[in-house]
Amino acid sequence: MAKKSKARTIAVRLISMAMTGYYRTMIRPRTGRPLSMLKYDPVVRKKVLFLEASRGGKK
């Protein structure tokens, strides 16, 4: 039986750099660069930088 191919897109978690614990989930291409964007954080009620969290999965 052949191996399954990997999906072209992956779901990633963007963590607020205001350290409020707020996060957003987005979908990006697997081959794309890690996401970073300015979005609204409702906890601090401001636009803050959101960075993609590194996934600590299996090795």
C-alpha atoms as a PDB file:
ATOM      1  CA  MET A   1       0.000   0.000   0.000  1.00  0.00           C
ATOM      2  CA  ALA A   2       1.341   3.435  -0.973  1.00  0.00           C
ATOM      3  CA  LYS A   3       1.972   6.226   1.520  1.00  0.00           C
ATOM      4  CA  LYS A   4      -0.561   9.033   1.816  1.00  0.00           C
ATOM      5  CA  SER A   5       0.563  12.336   0.386  1.00  0.00           C
ATOM      6  CA  LYS A   6       0.768  15.350   2.666  1.00  0.00           C
ATOM      7  CA  ALA A   7      -1.864  18.074   2.489  1.00  0.00           C
ATOM      8  CA  ARG A   8      -0.998  21.232   0.554  1.00  0.00           C
ATOM      9  CA  THR A   9      -2.265  23.491   3.335  1.00  0.00           C
ATOM     10  CA  ILE A  10      -1.821  23.411   7.106  1.00  0.00           C
ATOM     11  CA  ALA A  11      -3.684  25.062   9.977  1.00  0.00           C
ATOM     12  CA  VAL A  12      -1.421  27.273  12.098  1.00  0.00           C
ATOM     13  CA  ARG A  13      -1.964  29.111  15.366  1.00  0.00           C
ATOM     14  CA  LEU A  14      -1.056  32.795  15.513  1.00  0.00           C
ATOM     15  CA  ILE A  15      -0.213  33.906  19.072  1.00  0.00           C
ATOM     16  CA  SER A  16      -0.636  37.504  20.252  1.00  0.00           C
ATOM     17  CA  MET A  17       2.692  39.122  21.133  1.00  0.00           C
ATOM     18  CA  ALA A  18       0.899  41.184  23.808  1.00  0.00           C
ATOM     19  CA  MET A  19       1.128  37.945  25.883  1.00  0.00           C
ATOM     20  CA  THR A  20      -2.598  37.914  26.624  1.00  0.00           C
ATOM     21  CA  GLY A  21      -3.097  34.278  25.666  1.00  0.00           C
ATOM     22  CA  TYR A  22      -5.326  35.263  22.747  1.00  0.00           C
ATOM     23  CA  TYR A  23      -4.715  33.427  19.478  1.00  0.00           C
ATOM     24  CA  ARG A  24      -6.127  33.082  15.972  1.00  0.00           C
ATOM     25  CA  THR A  25      -6.132  30.035  13.736  1.00  0.00           C
ATOM     26  CA  MET A  26      -5.406  30.461  10.036  1.00  0.00           C
ATOM     27  CA  ILE A  27      -4.685  28.241   7.060  1.00  0.00           C
ATOM     28  CA  ARG A  28      -1.530  28.707   4.999  1.00  0.00           C
ATOM     29  CA  PRO A  29       0.261  26.758   2.251  1.00  0.00           C
ATOM     30  CA  ARG A  30       2.671  24.133   3.573  1.00  0.00           C
ATOM     31  CA  THR A  31       5.475  25.530   1.408  1.00  0.00           C
ATOM     32  CA  GLY A  32       4.803  29.159   2.424  1.00  0.00           C
ATOM     33  CA  ARG A  33       6.770  31.231   4.889  1.00  0.00           C
ATOM     34  CA  PRO A  34       5.646  31.431   8.538  1.00  0.00           C
ATOM     35  CA  LEU A  35       2.846  33.952   9.082  1.00  0.00           C
ATOM     36  CA  SER A  36       3.079  37.206  11.002  1.00  0.00           C
ATOM     37  CA  MET A  37       0.481  39.944  10.884  1.00  0.00           C
ATOM     38  CA  LEU A  38      -1.044  42.874  12.725  1.00  0.00           C
ATOM     39  CA  LYS A  39      -4.508  42.016  14.012  1.00  0.00           C
ATOM     40  CA  TYR A  40      -6.885  43.254  16.691  1.00  0.00           C
ATOM     41  CA  ASP A  41      -6.471  41.683  20.157  1.00  0.00           C
ATOM     42  CA  PRO A  42      -9.743  42.145  22.094  1.00  0.00           C
ATOM     43  CA  VAL A  43      -8.050  41.570  25.462  1.00  0.00           C
ATOM     44  CA  VAL A  44      -5.877  44.706  25.203  1.00  0.00           C
ATOM     45  CA  ARG A  45      -8.242  46.368  22.681  1.00  0.00           C
ATOM     46  CA  LYS A  46      -5.416  47.263  20.271  1.00  0.00           C
ATOM     47  CA  LYS A  47      -3.846  46.042  17.062  1.00  0.00           C
ATOM     48  CA  VAL A  48      -0.848  43.905  17.984  1.00  0.00           C
ATOM     49  CA  LEU A  49       1.609  41.623  16.218  1.00  0.00           C
ATOM     50  CA  PHE A  50       0.588  37.975  15.890  1.00  0.00           C
ATOM     51  CA  LEU A  51       3.305  35.395  15.154  1.00  0.00           C
ATOM     52  CA  GLU A  52       2.964  31.788  14.106  1.00  0.00           C
ATOM     53  CA  ALA A  53       3.567  29.376  16.977  1.00  0.00           C
ATOM     54  CA  SER A  54       6.077  26.593  16.446  1.00  0.00           C
ATOM     55  CA  ARG A  55       4.525  23.153  16.649  1.00  0.00           C
ATOM     56  CA  GLY A  56       6.209  20.748  19.047  1.00  0.00           C
ATOM     57  CA  GLY A  57       5.099  17.503  17.423  1.00  0.00           C
ATOM     58  CA  LYS A  58       6.658  14.079  17.038  1.00  0.00           C
ATOM     59  CA  LYS A  59      10.190  13.748  15.697  1.00  0.00           C
END
